[in-house]
Amino acid sequence: MKITFIAGESFGTRSMATYIETKDANILIDPGVALAPRRFGLPPHPIELDKQKEHWNNIVEYGKKADIMVITHYHYDHHNPRQDISTMFSDKIVLCKDPTENINYSQSRRGIYFIEKINKYVRKTEYADGKTFRFGDTYLVFSAPLPHGEDTRLGYVLGVYIYDGENSFLFSSDVEGIPLKEQLDFIHSQNPQLLYIDGPLTYMLGSKYNKDILHMSISNLLRLTDMDNLEVFILDHHLIRDAEWLSWVLEVYEAARYNGIWIGTAAEFMGKKPKLLEAYRRELYRER
């Protein structure tokens, strides 16, 4: 199994786009990329806009190679209905979140629109909620719909576990650092070798996020470091929107390293230095 993280907050944009190659299938998860429309009262900096374009172009190139497209939910950093998607989705098998059940109004509208758009090009679309799919010796196991964070205000997402007979990978989607038992239980039940978690929303502390939820998330993240199969622990996405992100998860880093687990960002896994553009948007404007 080969895993490529294409875009994400540690690369400079909002995304969790991930490409997985097994001997049986090429899988692209959540082919979307976005930017915060406003942060610190500022619009995206031109450097961010350039990076978004670069990442979208990379997602399209990986999309052309994919056999299977996975859409875990319908926020715009996880799917992109606004661009020309005809080439990327041509003749693909699409496994996606059901846009009619266990979903909020906003995502339902987006999902129905998106599926109608891609169905002109794809080979097959199938709702994946709670289902398992097999392609040769490669299995894709989808969670039941999980709350997008501490509650269902932002709707539901699907976690996805991929196993190819030798290696295993779990993509949490937007669970905001797993504050809830059902989010934790899905990960524990699959016990992956490589885990990609979106991390808590520390950048919103004091407004739409509170320390009680953060403490629950940290406690659950610590529990993951005891999994006997876990070898690589990726923390990225929401967490990396905070310039001080590492200070919040130092305990998790220490526990992972104590247990012999590699832990870091998606960029670091790919051998790159993290490039936190949104978190340093004010500084980008000051440097002009």
C-alpha atoms as a PDB file:
ATOM      1  CA  MET A   1       0.000   0.000   0.000  1.00  0.00           C
ATOM      2  CA  LYS A   2       1.291   3.447  -0.948  1.00  0.00           C
ATOM      3  CA  ILE A   3      -0.300   6.525   0.629  1.00  0.00           C
ATOM      4  CA  THR A   4       0.088  10.044  -0.768  1.00  0.00           C
ATOM      5  CA  PHE A   5      -1.274  13.080   1.035  1.00  0.00           C
ATOM      6  CA  ILE A   6      -1.992  15.563  -1.767  1.00  0.00           C
ATOM      7  CA  ALA A   7      -3.185  18.655   0.100  1.00  0.00           C
ATOM      8  CA  GLY A   8      -3.979  19.768   3.625  1.00  0.00           C
ATOM      9  CA  GLU A   9      -3.457  22.469   6.202  1.00  0.00           C
ATOM     10  CA  SER A  10       0.170  21.458   6.728  1.00  0.00           C
ATOM     11  CA  PHE A  11       0.654  21.999   2.969  1.00  0.00           C
ATOM     12  CA  GLY A  12      -1.047  25.426   3.060  1.00  0.00           C
ATOM     13  CA  THR A  13      -4.726  24.804   2.193  1.00  0.00           C
ATOM     14  CA  ARG A  14      -7.870  23.354   3.733  1.00  0.00           C
ATOM     15  CA  SER A  15      -8.096  19.751   2.551  1.00  0.00           C
ATOM     16  CA  MET A  16      -7.637  16.111   3.473  1.00  0.00           C
ATOM     17  CA  ALA A  17      -7.228  14.860  -0.108  1.00  0.00           C
ATOM     18  CA  THR A  18      -5.505  11.468   0.040  1.00  0.00           C
ATOM     19  CA  TYR A  19      -4.492   8.970  -2.645  1.00  0.00           C
ATOM     20  CA  ILE A  20      -4.017   5.267  -1.840  1.00  0.00           C
ATOM     21  CA  GLU A  21      -2.558   2.682  -4.184  1.00  0.00           C
ATOM     22  CA  THR A  22      -2.963  -1.024  -3.506  1.00  0.00           C
ATOM     23  CA  LYS A  23      -2.292  -3.960  -5.815  1.00  0.00           C
ATOM     24  CA  ASP A  24      -6.026  -4.013  -6.608  1.00  0.00           C
ATOM     25  CA  ALA A  25      -7.172  -0.386  -6.747  1.00  0.00           C
ATOM     26  CA  ASN A  26      -6.232   3.289  -6.858  1.00  0.00           C
ATOM     27  CA  ILE A  27      -8.383   5.257  -4.428  1.00  0.00           C
ATOM     28  CA  LEU A  28      -8.793   9.011  -4.051  1.00  0.00           C
ATOM     29  CA  ILE A  29     -10.455  10.187  -0.840  1.00  0.00           C
ATOM     30  CA  ASP A  30     -12.128  13.611  -0.603  1.00  0.00           C
ATOM     31  CA  PRO A  31     -10.916  15.400  -3.758  1.00  0.00           C
ATOM     32  CA  GLY A  32     -11.513  18.940  -2.576  1.00  0.00           C
ATOM     33  CA  VAL A  33      -9.491  21.966  -1.505  1.00  0.00           C
ATOM     34  CA  ALA A  34     -10.610  25.290  -0.042  1.00  0.00           C
ATOM     35  CA  LEU A  35      -9.424  28.373   1.828  1.00  0.00           C
ATOM     36  CA  ALA A  36     -10.887  30.212   4.809  1.00  0.00           C
ATOM     37  CA  PRO A  37     -12.922  33.046   3.226  1.00  0.00           C
ATOM     38  CA  ARG A  38     -12.002  35.267   6.192  1.00  0.00           C
ATOM     39  CA  ARG A  39      -9.388  34.724   8.891  1.00  0.00           C
ATOM     40  CA  PHE A  40      -8.252  37.423  11.313  1.00  0.00           C
ATOM     41  CA  GLY A  41     -10.610  39.672   9.361  1.00  0.00           C
ATOM     42  CA  LEU A  42      -8.566  39.122   6.199  1.00  0.00           C
ATOM     43  CA  PRO A  43      -9.370  37.399   2.886  1.00  0.00           C
ATOM     44  CA  PRO A  44      -7.028  34.723   1.468  1.00  0.00           C
ATOM     45  CA  HIS A  45      -3.578  36.038   0.657  1.00  0.00           C
ATOM     46  CA  PRO A  46      -2.386  35.711  -2.968  1.00  0.00           C
ATOM     47  CA  ILE A  47       0.119  33.074  -1.816  1.00  0.00           C
ATOM     48  CA  GLU A  48      -2.800  31.013  -0.468  1.00  0.00           C
ATOM     49  CA  LEU A  49      -4.733  31.435  -3.709  1.00  0.00           C
ATOM     50  CA  ASP A  50      -1.730  30.215  -5.692  1.00  0.00           C
ATOM     51  CA  LYS A  51      -1.351  27.231  -3.382  1.00  0.00           C
ATOM     52  CA  GLN A  52      -5.047  26.364  -3.721  1.00  0.00           C
ATOM     53  CA  LYS A  53      -4.726  26.347  -7.512  1.00  0.00           C
ATOM     54  CA  GLU A  54      -1.603  24.187  -7.308  1.00  0.00           C
ATOM     55  CA  HIS A  55      -3.287  21.704  -4.971  1.00  0.00           C
ATOM     56  CA  TRP A  56      -6.430  21.495  -7.111  1.00  0.00           C
ATOM     57  CA  ASN A  57      -4.344  20.749 -10.167  1.00  0.00           C
ATOM     58  CA  ASN A  58      -2.551  17.994  -8.238  1.00  0.00           C
ATOM     59  CA  ILE A  59      -5.873  16.542  -7.063  1.00  0.00           C
ATOM     60  CA  VAL A  60      -7.112  16.430 -10.665  1.00  0.00           C
ATOM     61  CA  GLU A  61      -3.982  14.589 -11.779  1.00  0.00           C
ATOM     62  CA  TYR A  62      -4.364  11.971  -9.060  1.00  0.00           C
ATOM     63  CA  GLY A  63      -8.075  11.787  -9.820  1.00  0.00           C
ATOM     64  CA  LYS A  64      -7.327  10.801 -13.395  1.00  0.00           C
ATOM     65  CA  LYS A  65      -5.341   7.803 -12.108  1.00  0.00           C
ATOM     66  CA  ALA A  66      -7.931   6.705  -9.556  1.00  0.00           C
ATOM     67  CA  ASP A  67     -10.389   3.846 -10.047  1.00  0.00           C
ATOM     68  CA  ILE A  68     -12.410   4.662  -6.939  1.00  0.00           C
ATOM     69  CA  MET A  69     -13.448   8.071  -5.621  1.00  0.00           C
ATOM     70  CA  VAL A  70     -14.528   8.383  -1.985  1.00  0.00           C
ATOM     71  CA  ILE A  71     -16.543  11.363  -0.693  1.00  0.00           C
ATOM     72  CA  THR A  72     -16.918  11.276   3.093  1.00  0.00           C
ATOM     73  CA  HIS A  73     -19.172  14.354   3.301  1.00  0.00           C
ATOM     74  CA  TYR A  74     -20.106  17.478   1.394  1.00  0.00           C
ATOM     75  CA  HIS A  75     -18.109  20.377   2.803  1.00  0.00           C
ATOM     76  CA  TYR A  76     -16.201  22.206   0.092  1.00  0.00           C
ATOM     77  CA  ASP A  77     -12.761  21.307   1.411  1.00  0.00           C
ATOM     78  CA  HIS A  78     -13.719  17.637   0.842  1.00  0.00           C
ATOM     79  CA  HIS A  79     -15.473  17.837  -2.520  1.00  0.00           C
ATOM     80  CA  ASN A  80     -15.469  20.435  -5.282  1.00  0.00           C
ATOM     81  CA  PRO A  81     -18.585  20.842  -7.436  1.00  0.00           C
ATOM     82  CA  ARG A  82     -17.518  24.226  -8.798  1.00  0.00           C
ATOM     83  CA  GLN A  83     -14.663  23.081 -11.015  1.00  0.00           C
ATOM     84  CA  ASP A  84     -14.745  21.045 -14.213  1.00  0.00           C
ATOM     85  CA  ILE A  85     -14.842  17.498 -12.847  1.00  0.00           C
ATOM     86  CA  SER A  86     -15.691  15.631 -16.052  1.00  0.00           C
ATOM     87  CA  THR A  87     -12.168  14.261 -16.609  1.00  0.00           C
ATOM     88  CA  MET A  88     -11.511  13.411 -12.984  1.00  0.00           C
ATOM     89  CA  PHE A  89     -14.754  11.470 -12.503  1.00  0.00           C
ATOM     90  CA  SER A  90     -14.974   9.829 -15.920  1.00  0.00           C
ATOM     91  CA  ASP A  91     -15.694   6.074 -15.600  1.00  0.00           C
ATOM     92  CA  LYS A  92     -15.025   6.026 -11.823  1.00  0.00           C
ATOM     93  CA  ILE A  93     -16.698   4.066  -9.063  1.00  0.00           C
ATOM     94  CA  VAL A  94     -17.873   6.644  -6.515  1.00  0.00           C
ATOM     95  CA  LEU A  95     -18.467   5.606  -2.902  1.00  0.00           C
ATOM     96  CA  CYS A  96     -20.042   8.491  -1.038  1.00  0.00           C
ATOM     97  CA  LYS A  97     -22.045   9.703   1.921  1.00  0.00           C
ATOM     98  CA  ASP A  98     -25.785   9.224   1.470  1.00  0.00           C
ATOM     99  CA  PRO A  99     -27.121  12.752   0.831  1.00  0.00           C
ATOM    100  CA  THR A 100     -30.660  11.853   1.962  1.00  0.00           C
ATOM    101  CA  GLU A 101     -30.167  10.148   5.353  1.00  0.00           C
ATOM    102  CA  ASN A 102     -28.277  11.191   8.504  1.00  0.00           C
ATOM    103  CA  ILE A 103     -27.292  14.531   7.036  1.00  0.00           C
ATOM    104  CA  ASN A 104     -28.063  18.184   7.688  1.00  0.00           C
ATOM    105  CA  TYR A 105     -29.947  20.384   5.242  1.00  0.00           C
ATOM    106  CA  SER A 106     -26.929  22.225   3.840  1.00  0.00           C
ATOM    107  CA  GLN A 107     -24.912  19.101   3.106  1.00  0.00           C
ATOM    108  CA  SER A 108     -27.957  17.302   1.728  1.00  0.00           C
ATOM    109  CA  ARG A 109     -28.492  20.031  -0.871  1.00  0.00           C
ATOM    110  CA  ARG A 110     -24.809  20.038  -1.783  1.00  0.00           C
ATOM    111  CA  GLY A 111     -24.635  16.248  -1.965  1.00  0.00           C
ATOM    112  CA  ILE A 112     -27.696  15.832  -4.180  1.00  0.00           C
ATOM    113  CA  TYR A 113     -26.411  18.539  -6.541  1.00  0.00           C
ATOM    114  CA  PHE A 114     -22.912  17.016  -6.661  1.00  0.00           C
ATOM    115  CA  ILE A 115     -24.118  13.477  -7.336  1.00  0.00           C
ATOM    116  CA  GLU A 116     -26.439  14.669 -10.103  1.00  0.00           C
ATOM    117  CA  LYS A 117     -23.457  16.452 -11.655  1.00  0.00           C
ATOM    118  CA  ILE A 118     -20.975  13.550 -11.501  1.00  0.00           C
ATOM    119  CA  ASN A 119     -23.497  10.901 -12.544  1.00  0.00           C
ATOM    120  CA  LYS A 120     -23.133  12.165 -16.111  1.00  0.00           C
ATOM    121  CA  TYR A 121     -19.574  10.807 -16.112  1.00  0.00           C
ATOM    122  CA  VAL A 122     -19.109   8.024 -13.548  1.00  0.00           C
ATOM    123  CA  ARG A 123     -19.384   4.271 -13.978  1.00  0.00           C
ATOM    124  CA  LYS A 124     -21.319   3.812 -10.736  1.00  0.00           C
ATOM    125  CA  THR A 125     -22.309   5.767  -7.622  1.00  0.00           C
ATOM    126  CA  GLU A 126     -23.071   3.957  -4.389  1.00  0.00           C
ATOM    127  CA  TYR A 127     -23.941   5.291  -0.953  1.00  0.00           C
ATOM    128  CA  ALA A 128     -21.329   3.902   1.422  1.00  0.00           C
ATOM    129  CA  ASP A 129     -22.757   4.571   4.888  1.00  0.00           C
ATOM    130  CA  GLY A 130     -21.898   1.596   7.130  1.00  0.00           C
ATOM    131  CA  LYS A 131     -20.986  -0.642   4.164  1.00  0.00           C
ATOM    132  CA  THR A 132     -17.967  -2.720   3.166  1.00  0.00           C
ATOM    133  CA  PHE A 133     -16.689  -2.989  -0.406  1.00  0.00           C
ATOM    134  CA  ARG A 134     -14.168  -5.448  -1.839  1.00  0.00           C
ATOM    135  CA  PHE A 135     -11.932  -4.969  -4.861  1.00  0.00           C
ATOM    136  CA  GLY A 136      -9.716  -8.041  -5.238  1.00  0.00           C
ATOM    137  CA  ASP A 137      -7.993  -8.374  -1.855  1.00  0.00           C
ATOM    138  CA  THR A 138      -8.577  -4.708  -0.974  1.00  0.00           C
ATOM    139  CA  TYR A 139     -11.399  -3.889   1.424  1.00  0.00           C
ATOM    140  CA  LEU A 140     -12.950  -0.483   2.073  1.00  0.00           C
ATOM    141  CA  VAL A 141     -14.871  -0.470   5.357  1.00  0.00           C
ATOM    142  CA  PHE A 142     -17.029   2.593   5.976  1.00  0.00           C
ATOM    143  CA  SER A 143     -18.286   3.692   9.354  1.00  0.00           C
ATOM    144  CA  ALA A 144     -21.891   4.386  10.083  1.00  0.00           C
ATOM    145  CA  PRO A 145     -22.522   8.140   9.848  1.00  0.00           C
ATOM    146  CA  LEU A 146     -20.495   9.847  12.596  1.00  0.00           C
ATOM    147  CA  PRO A 147     -21.153  13.349  13.967  1.00  0.00           C
ATOM    148  CA  HIS A 148     -19.019  16.100  12.457  1.00  0.00           C
ATOM    149  CA  GLY A 149     -17.437  16.913  15.816  1.00  0.00           C
ATOM    150  CA  GLU A 150     -19.107  17.020  19.220  1.00  0.00           C
ATOM    151  CA  ASP A 151     -22.677  17.043  17.842  1.00  0.00           C
ATOM    152  CA  THR A 152     -24.615  16.830  14.596  1.00  0.00           C
ATOM    153  CA  ARG A 153     -24.998  20.579  13.995  1.00  0.00           C
ATOM    154  CA  LEU A 154     -22.595  20.337  11.036  1.00  0.00           C
ATOM    155  CA  GLY A 155     -24.020  16.998   9.943  1.00  0.00           C
ATOM    156  CA  TYR A 156     -22.358  13.594   9.660  1.00  0.00           C
ATOM    157  CA  VAL A 157     -19.249  12.157   8.023  1.00  0.00           C
ATOM    158  CA  LEU A 158     -18.005   8.697   7.076  1.00  0.00           C
ATOM    159  CA  GLY A 159     -14.741   7.296   8.356  1.00  0.00           C
ATOM    160  CA  VAL A 160     -13.086   4.833   5.983  1.00  0.00           C
ATOM    161  CA  TYR A 161     -10.711   1.953   6.700  1.00  0.00           C
ATOM    162  CA  ILE A 162      -8.701   0.398   3.874  1.00  0.00           C
ATOM    163  CA  TYR A 163      -7.028  -3.016   4.136  1.00  0.00           C
ATOM    164  CA  ASP A 164      -5.158  -4.720   1.288  1.00  0.00           C
ATOM    165  CA  GLY A 165      -4.286  -8.032   2.937  1.00  0.00           C
ATOM    166  CA  GLU A 166      -1.008  -6.707   4.313  1.00  0.00           C
ATOM    167  CA  ASN A 167      -1.342  -3.050   5.295  1.00  0.00           C
ATOM    168  CA  SER A 168      -4.127  -0.924   6.726  1.00  0.00           C
ATOM    169  CA  PHE A 169      -5.025   2.768   6.760  1.00  0.00           C
ATOM    170  CA  LEU A 170      -7.855   4.652   8.464  1.00  0.00           C
ATOM    171  CA  PHE A 171      -9.122   8.076   7.388  1.00  0.00           C
ATOM    172  CA  SER A 172     -11.170   9.737  10.112  1.00  0.00           C
ATOM    173  CA  SER A 173     -12.706  12.534   8.026  1.00  0.00           C
ATOM    174  CA  ASP A 174     -14.010  15.513  10.010  1.00  0.00           C
ATOM    175  CA  VAL A 175     -14.537  14.205  13.528  1.00  0.00           C
ATOM    176  CA  GLU A 176     -12.733  17.201  15.051  1.00  0.00           C
ATOM    177  CA  GLY A 177     -10.277  15.210  17.137  1.00  0.00           C
ATOM    178  CA  ILE A 178     -12.685  12.398  18.128  1.00  0.00           C
ATOM    179  CA  PRO A 179     -14.510  13.875  21.166  1.00  0.00           C
ATOM    180  CA  LEU A 180     -17.242  11.189  21.036  1.00  0.00           C
ATOM    181  CA  LYS A 181     -17.254   7.497  21.934  1.00  0.00           C
ATOM    182  CA  GLU A 182     -18.756   6.349  18.618  1.00  0.00           C
ATOM    183  CA  GLN A 183     -15.954   8.080  16.713  1.00  0.00           C
ATOM    184  CA  LEU A 184     -13.340   6.433  18.932  1.00  0.00           C
ATOM    185  CA  ASP A 185     -15.049   3.034  18.744  1.00  0.00           C
ATOM    186  CA  PHE A 186     -14.876   2.910  14.933  1.00  0.00           C
ATOM    187  CA  ILE A 187     -11.118   3.499  14.979  1.00  0.00           C
ATOM    188  CA  HIS A 188     -10.547   0.992  17.777  1.00  0.00           C
ATOM    189  CA  SER A 189     -12.645  -1.623  15.987  1.00  0.00           C
ATOM    190  CA  GLN A 190     -10.436  -1.428  12.875  1.00  0.00           C
ATOM    191  CA  ASN A 191      -7.076  -1.065  14.677  1.00  0.00           C
ATOM    192  CA  PRO A 192      -5.154   0.362  11.672  1.00  0.00           C
ATOM    193  CA  GLN A 193      -1.417   0.581  11.087  1.00  0.00           C
ATOM    194  CA  LEU A 194      -1.623   4.128   9.741  1.00  0.00           C
ATOM    195  CA  LEU A 195      -4.169   6.603  11.071  1.00  0.00           C
ATOM    196  CA  TYR A 196      -5.097  10.044   9.688  1.00  0.00           C
ATOM    197  CA  ILE A 197      -7.037  12.208  12.187  1.00  0.00           C
ATOM    198  CA  ASP A 198      -8.291  15.723  11.520  1.00  0.00           C
ATOM    199  CA  GLY A 199      -7.494  17.058  15.018  1.00  0.00           C
ATOM    200  CA  PRO A 200      -9.429  19.332  17.401  1.00  0.00           C
ATOM    201  CA  LEU A 201     -10.594  22.856  16.528  1.00  0.00           C
ATOM    202  CA  THR A 202      -8.227  24.735  18.831  1.00  0.00           C
ATOM    203  CA  TYR A 203      -8.243  27.736  16.479  1.00  0.00           C
ATOM    204  CA  MET A 204     -11.892  28.312  17.488  1.00  0.00           C
ATOM    205  CA  LEU A 205     -11.404  28.060  21.252  1.00  0.00           C
ATOM    206  CA  GLY A 206     -13.545  30.595  23.050  1.00  0.00           C
ATOM    207  CA  SER A 207     -16.002  31.008  20.190  1.00  0.00           C
ATOM    208  CA  LYS A 208     -17.416  27.826  18.646  1.00  0.00           C
ATOM    209  CA  TYR A 209     -15.206  25.411  20.591  1.00  0.00           C
ATOM    210  CA  ASN A 210     -14.606  24.989  24.304  1.00  0.00           C
ATOM    211  CA  LYS A 211     -11.974  23.457  26.543  1.00  0.00           C
ATOM    212  CA  ASP A 212     -14.250  20.679  27.841  1.00  0.00           C
ATOM    213  CA  ILE A 213     -14.567  19.292  24.306  1.00  0.00           C
ATOM    214  CA  LEU A 214     -10.846  19.781  23.747  1.00  0.00           C
ATOM    215  CA  HIS A 215     -10.058  17.771  26.883  1.00  0.00           C
ATOM    216  CA  MET A 216     -12.368  14.968  25.702  1.00  0.00           C
ATOM    217  CA  SER A 217     -10.593  14.968  22.344  1.00  0.00           C
ATOM    218  CA  ILE A 218      -7.118  14.856  23.892  1.00  0.00           C
ATOM    219  CA  SER A 219      -8.209  12.014  26.178  1.00  0.00           C
ATOM    220  CA  ASN A 220      -9.491   9.992  23.215  1.00  0.00           C
ATOM    221  CA  LEU A 221      -6.419  10.758  21.096  1.00  0.00           C
ATOM    222  CA  LEU A 222      -4.289   9.419  23.947  1.00  0.00           C
ATOM    223  CA  ARG A 223      -6.303   6.194  23.944  1.00  0.00           C
ATOM    224  CA  LEU A 224      -5.431   5.691  20.282  1.00  0.00           C
ATOM    225  CA  THR A 225      -1.711   5.597  21.112  1.00  0.00           C
ATOM    226  CA  ASP A 226      -2.324   2.316  22.966  1.00  0.00           C
ATOM    227  CA  MET A 227      -3.579   0.481  19.867  1.00  0.00           C
ATOM    228  CA  ASP A 228      -1.306  -2.498  19.257  1.00  0.00           C
ATOM    229  CA  ASN A 229      -1.251  -2.199  15.439  1.00  0.00           C
ATOM    230  CA  LEU A 230      -0.660   1.544  15.158  1.00  0.00           C
ATOM    231  CA  GLU A 231       2.651   2.493  13.564  1.00  0.00           C
ATOM    232  CA  VAL A 232       1.977   5.938  12.041  1.00  0.00           C
ATOM    233  CA  PHE A 233      -0.269   8.647  13.528  1.00  0.00           C
ATOM    234  CA  ILE A 234      -1.049  11.671  11.328  1.00  0.00           C
ATOM    235  CA  LEU A 235      -2.614  14.757  12.952  1.00  0.00           C
ATOM    236  CA  ASP A 236      -3.606  17.537  10.565  1.00  0.00           C
ATOM    237  CA  HIS A 237      -6.536  19.469   9.060  1.00  0.00           C
ATOM    238  CA  HIS A 238      -8.516  21.446  11.708  1.00  0.00           C
ATOM    239  CA  LEU A 239      -5.694  21.321  14.251  1.00  0.00           C
ATOM    240  CA  ILE A 240      -3.145  22.879  11.895  1.00  0.00           C
ATOM    241  CA  ARG A 241      -5.239  26.031  11.449  1.00  0.00           C
ATOM    242  CA  ASP A 242      -3.765  27.097  14.802  1.00  0.00           C
ATOM    243  CA  ALA A 243      -0.187  28.439  14.829  1.00  0.00           C
ATOM    244  CA  GLU A 244       0.179  27.010  18.351  1.00  0.00           C
ATOM    245  CA  TRP A 245      -1.251  23.620  17.417  1.00  0.00           C
ATOM    246  CA  LEU A 246       1.634  21.552  18.718  1.00  0.00           C
ATOM    247  CA  SER A 247       1.344  22.934  22.246  1.00  0.00           C
ATOM    248  CA  TRP A 248      -2.165  21.481  22.544  1.00  0.00           C
ATOM    249  CA  VAL A 249      -1.169  17.922  21.603  1.00  0.00           C
ATOM    250  CA  LEU A 250       2.286  17.562  23.184  1.00  0.00           C
ATOM    251  CA  GLU A 251       0.924  14.898  25.536  1.00  0.00           C
ATOM    252  CA  VAL A 252      -0.327  12.884  22.558  1.00  0.00           C
ATOM    253  CA  TYR A 253       3.047  13.210  20.825  1.00  0.00           C
ATOM    254  CA  GLU A 254       4.869  12.030  23.928  1.00  0.00           C
ATOM    255  CA  ALA A 255       2.559   9.032  24.390  1.00  0.00           C
ATOM    256  CA  ALA A 256       2.867   8.031  20.736  1.00  0.00           C
ATOM    257  CA  ARG A 257       6.642   8.238  20.767  1.00  0.00           C
ATOM    258  CA  TYR A 258       6.831   6.325  24.035  1.00  0.00           C
ATOM    259  CA  ASN A 259       4.916   3.505  22.311  1.00  0.00           C
ATOM    260  CA  GLY A 260       7.181   3.561  19.247  1.00  0.00           C
ATOM    261  CA  ILE A 261       4.615   5.250  16.973  1.00  0.00           C
ATOM    262  CA  TRP A 262       5.707   7.808  14.377  1.00  0.00           C
ATOM    263  CA  ILE A 263       3.562  10.935  14.820  1.00  0.00           C
ATOM    264  CA  GLY A 264       3.444  14.098  12.734  1.00  0.00           C
ATOM    265  CA  THR A 265       1.587  16.096  10.098  1.00  0.00           C
ATOM    266  CA  ALA A 266       0.655  14.968   6.601  1.00  0.00           C
ATOM    267  CA  ALA A 267       3.376  17.203   5.171  1.00  0.00           C
ATOM    268  CA  GLU A 268       6.009  15.679   7.445  1.00  0.00           C
ATOM    269  CA  PHE A 269       4.925  12.188   6.446  1.00  0.00           C
ATOM    270  CA  MET A 270       5.563  13.232   2.847  1.00  0.00           C
ATOM    271  CA  GLY A 271       9.031  14.501   3.797  1.00  0.00           C
ATOM    272  CA  LYS A 272       8.096  18.186   3.675  1.00  0.00           C
ATOM    273  CA  LYS A 273       8.261  20.990   6.214  1.00  0.00           C
ATOM    274  CA  PRO A 274       4.769  22.127   7.326  1.00  0.00           C
ATOM    275  CA  LYS A 275       3.624  25.307   5.579  1.00  0.00           C
ATOM    276  CA  LEU A 276       0.902  26.891   7.701  1.00  0.00           C
ATOM    277  CA  LEU A 277      -0.449  29.651   5.486  1.00  0.00           C
ATOM    278  CA  GLU A 278      -3.887  30.215   7.016  1.00  0.00           C
ATOM    279  CA  ALA A 279      -2.546  30.276  10.575  1.00  0.00           C
ATOM    280  CA  TYR A 280      -0.043  32.956   9.521  1.00  0.00           C
ATOM    281  CA  ARG A 281      -2.322  34.972   7.220  1.00  0.00           C
ATOM    282  CA  ARG A 282      -1.706  38.200   9.171  1.00  0.00           C
ATOM    283  CA  GLU A 283       2.014  37.740   8.799  1.00  0.00           C
ATOM    284  CA  LEU A 284       1.667  37.115   5.067  1.00  0.00           C
ATOM    285  CA  TYR A 285      -0.064  40.455   4.647  1.00  0.00           C
ATOM    286  CA  ARG A 286       2.518  42.264   6.793  1.00  0.00           C
ATOM    287  CA  GLU A 287       5.316  40.959   4.587  1.00  0.00           C
ATOM    288  CA  ARG A 288       3.939  42.576   1.438  1.00  0.00           C
END
